[in-house]
Amino acid sequence: MVIAQSFAKNMGLYGERIGCLHFVCSDKGIADRVLAHVKIIVRSMISSPPKHGARVVELILNDPDMR
């Protein structure tokens, strides 16, 4: 199972690639193979993604008053 979450809308960070991609695997062997493939895909697409959007999300989620 693959689950994708985007945080761009709820944080107002459109175009910042803020989110998570989860893979649920039946065993560690499959998980290791999936991870190997994902690393190849990610490396070819975005070798150095921008960090400022992730830093904004981190700041908001780690500050009780802002959260």
N, C-alpha and C. Protein backbone atom coordinates (compact mmCIF):
# COMPACT_ATOMS: atom_id res chain seq x y z
N MET A 1 0.85 -1.16 0.00
CA MET A 1 0.00 0.00 0.00
C MET A 1 0.91 1.24 0.00
N VAL A 2 0.50 2.25 -0.75
CA VAL A 2 1.23 3.51 -0.79
C VAL A 2 0.28 4.62 -0.35
N ILE A 3 0.73 5.45 0.57
CA ILE A 3 -0.08 6.56 1.07
C ILE A 3 0.69 7.85 0.84
N ALA A 4 0.06 8.81 0.20
CA ALA A 4 0.69 10.11 -0.05
C ALA A 4 -0.05 11.18 0.75
N GLN A 5 0.73 12.04 1.41
CA GLN A 5 0.17 13.16 2.16
C GLN A 5 0.82 14.44 1.65
N SER A 6 0.02 15.45 1.43
CA SER A 6 0.55 16.75 1.06
C SER A 6 0.23 17.73 2.18
N PHE A 7 1.24 18.49 2.57
CA PHE A 7 1.04 19.52 3.59
C PHE A 7 1.04 20.91 2.97
N ALA A 8 1.11 20.98 1.64
CA ALA A 8 1.21 22.27 0.96
C ALA A 8 -0.04 23.12 1.22
N LYS A 9 -1.22 22.50 1.14
CA LYS A 9 -2.45 23.28 1.28
C LYS A 9 -2.66 23.75 2.72
N ASN A 10 -2.52 22.84 3.71
CA ASN A 10 -2.79 23.24 5.08
C ASN A 10 -1.72 24.17 5.64
N MET A 11 -0.54 24.23 5.04
CA MET A 11 0.50 25.16 5.50
C MET A 11 0.63 26.37 4.58
N GLY A 12 -0.13 26.39 3.48
CA GLY A 12 -0.04 27.51 2.54
C GLY A 12 1.29 27.55 1.81
N LEU A 13 1.90 26.38 1.60
CA LEU A 13 3.23 26.30 0.98
C LEU A 13 3.14 25.64 -0.39
N TYR A 14 2.33 26.18 -1.26
CA TYR A 14 2.15 25.62 -2.59
C TYR A 14 3.47 25.63 -3.36
N GLY A 15 3.77 24.54 -4.03
CA GLY A 15 4.98 24.45 -4.84
C GLY A 15 6.24 24.19 -4.05
N GLU A 16 6.12 23.87 -2.77
CA GLU A 16 7.30 23.68 -1.93
C GLU A 16 7.63 22.22 -1.65
N ARG A 17 6.91 21.29 -2.25
CA ARG A 17 7.16 19.86 -2.07
C ARG A 17 7.14 19.44 -0.60
N ILE A 18 6.13 19.88 0.10
CA ILE A 18 6.00 19.55 1.52
C ILE A 18 4.99 18.42 1.66
N GLY A 19 5.44 17.29 2.15
CA GLY A 19 4.55 16.16 2.34
C GLY A 19 5.30 14.89 2.67
N CYS A 20 4.58 13.79 2.67
CA CYS A 20 5.16 12.48 2.99
C CYS A 20 4.63 11.43 2.02
N LEU A 21 5.44 10.44 1.78
CA LEU A 21 5.03 9.28 1.00
C LEU A 21 5.35 8.06 1.85
N HIS A 22 4.33 7.29 2.17
CA HIS A 22 4.47 6.12 3.05
C HIS A 22 4.27 4.85 2.23
N PHE A 23 5.09 3.86 2.49
CA PHE A 23 4.93 2.54 1.88
C PHE A 23 4.71 1.54 2.99
N VAL A 24 3.63 0.78 2.91
CA VAL A 24 3.33 -0.26 3.88
C VAL A 24 3.63 -1.59 3.20
N CYS A 25 4.62 -2.32 3.73
CA CYS A 25 5.07 -3.57 3.11
C CYS A 25 4.80 -4.75 4.04
N SER A 26 4.67 -5.92 3.46
CA SER A 26 4.34 -7.10 4.26
C SER A 26 5.54 -7.68 5.02
N ASP A 27 6.76 -7.37 4.57
CA ASP A 27 7.92 -7.85 5.31
C ASP A 27 9.14 -6.96 5.01
N LYS A 28 10.20 -7.15 5.78
CA LYS A 28 11.39 -6.31 5.67
C LYS A 28 12.09 -6.46 4.33
N GLY A 29 12.08 -7.63 3.76
CA GLY A 29 12.72 -7.85 2.47
C GLY A 29 12.08 -7.00 1.38
N ILE A 30 10.76 -6.98 1.36
CA ILE A 30 10.05 -6.16 0.38
C ILE A 30 10.29 -4.68 0.67
N ALA A 31 10.26 -4.31 1.95
CA ALA A 31 10.50 -2.91 2.32
C ALA A 31 11.89 -2.45 1.86
N ASP A 32 12.89 -3.30 2.00
CA ASP A 32 14.24 -2.96 1.57
C ASP A 32 14.30 -2.75 0.05
N ARG A 33 13.62 -3.60 -0.70
CA ARG A 33 13.61 -3.46 -2.16
C ARG A 33 12.86 -2.21 -2.60
N VAL A 34 11.74 -1.93 -1.94
CA VAL A 34 10.98 -0.71 -2.26
C VAL A 34 11.84 0.52 -1.99
N LEU A 35 12.50 0.55 -0.84
CA LEU A 35 13.36 1.67 -0.49
C LEU A 35 14.47 1.87 -1.51
N ALA A 36 15.08 0.80 -1.96
CA ALA A 36 16.14 0.90 -2.97
C ALA A 36 15.62 1.54 -4.26
N HIS A 37 14.45 1.13 -4.68
CA HIS A 37 13.85 1.71 -5.90
C HIS A 37 13.47 3.17 -5.71
N VAL A 38 12.90 3.49 -4.55
CA VAL A 38 12.51 4.87 -4.27
C VAL A 38 13.73 5.78 -4.27
N LYS A 39 14.82 5.33 -3.69
CA LYS A 39 16.04 6.13 -3.67
C LYS A 39 16.54 6.44 -5.07
N ILE A 40 16.46 5.47 -5.97
CA ILE A 40 16.88 5.68 -7.36
C ILE A 40 15.98 6.72 -8.03
N ILE A 41 14.69 6.59 -7.83
CA ILE A 41 13.74 7.53 -8.44
C ILE A 41 13.93 8.94 -7.90
N VAL A 42 14.02 9.06 -6.58
CA VAL A 42 14.17 10.38 -5.97
C VAL A 42 15.47 11.03 -6.40
N ARG A 43 16.53 10.27 -6.43
CA ARG A 43 17.83 10.82 -6.81
C ARG A 43 17.80 11.37 -8.23
N SER A 44 17.12 10.69 -9.13
CA SER A 44 17.07 11.15 -10.52
C SER A 44 16.15 12.36 -10.70
N MET A 45 15.17 12.52 -9.80
CA MET A 45 14.21 13.62 -9.94
C MET A 45 14.65 14.88 -9.21
N ILE A 46 15.06 14.73 -7.96
CA ILE A 46 15.41 15.89 -7.14
C ILE A 46 16.63 15.57 -6.30
N SER A 47 17.76 15.97 -6.76
CA SER A 47 18.97 15.65 -6.00
C SER A 47 19.14 16.60 -4.82
N SER A 48 18.59 17.79 -4.89
CA SER A 48 18.73 18.75 -3.81
C SER A 48 17.47 19.63 -3.73
N PRO A 49 16.43 19.13 -3.07
CA PRO A 49 15.18 19.89 -3.00
C PRO A 49 15.33 21.13 -2.11
N PRO A 50 14.49 22.13 -2.31
CA PRO A 50 14.56 23.33 -1.46
C PRO A 50 14.17 22.97 -0.03
N LYS A 51 14.78 23.66 0.93
CA LYS A 51 14.53 23.37 2.35
C LYS A 51 13.64 24.40 3.04
N HIS A 52 13.46 25.58 2.45
CA HIS A 52 12.77 26.63 3.19
C HIS A 52 11.33 26.27 3.54
N GLY A 53 10.61 25.56 2.68
CA GLY A 53 9.24 25.16 3.01
C GLY A 53 9.21 24.20 4.18
N ALA A 54 10.12 23.24 4.19
CA ALA A 54 10.20 22.29 5.30
C ALA A 54 10.55 22.98 6.61
N ARG A 55 11.38 23.99 6.53
CA ARG A 55 11.75 24.74 7.75
C ARG A 55 10.57 25.52 8.31
N VAL A 56 9.73 26.05 7.43
CA VAL A 56 8.53 26.76 7.89
C VAL A 56 7.60 25.78 8.61
N VAL A 57 7.38 24.60 8.03
CA VAL A 57 6.52 23.59 8.65
C VAL A 57 7.11 23.16 10.00
N GLU A 58 8.41 22.93 10.04
CA GLU A 58 9.06 22.53 11.29
C GLU A 58 8.87 23.58 12.38
N LEU A 59 9.05 24.83 12.02
CA LEU A 59 8.88 25.92 12.97
C LEU A 59 7.46 25.95 13.53
N ILE A 60 6.47 25.83 12.65
CA ILE A 60 5.07 25.88 13.08
C ILE A 60 4.72 24.69 13.97
N LEU A 61 5.13 23.49 13.57
CA LEU A 61 4.75 22.28 14.33
C LEU A 61 5.49 22.14 15.65
N ASN A 62 6.65 22.76 15.77
CA ASN A 62 7.42 22.66 17.01
C ASN A 62 7.18 23.79 18.00
N ASP A 63 6.36 24.77 17.63
CA ASP A 63 6.03 25.88 18.53
C ASP A 63 4.57 25.74 18.97
N PRO A 64 4.34 25.44 20.25
CA PRO A 64 2.97 25.22 20.71
C PRO A 64 2.02 26.38 20.41
N ASP A 65 2.51 27.62 20.49
CA ASP A 65 1.64 28.77 20.22
C ASP A 65 1.25 28.85 18.75
N MET A 66 2.17 28.48 17.86
CA MET A 66 1.89 28.55 16.43
C MET A 66 1.05 27.36 15.97
N ARG A 67 1.26 26.23 16.63
CA ARG A 67 0.55 25.00 16.24
C ARG A 67 -0.92 25.15 16.52
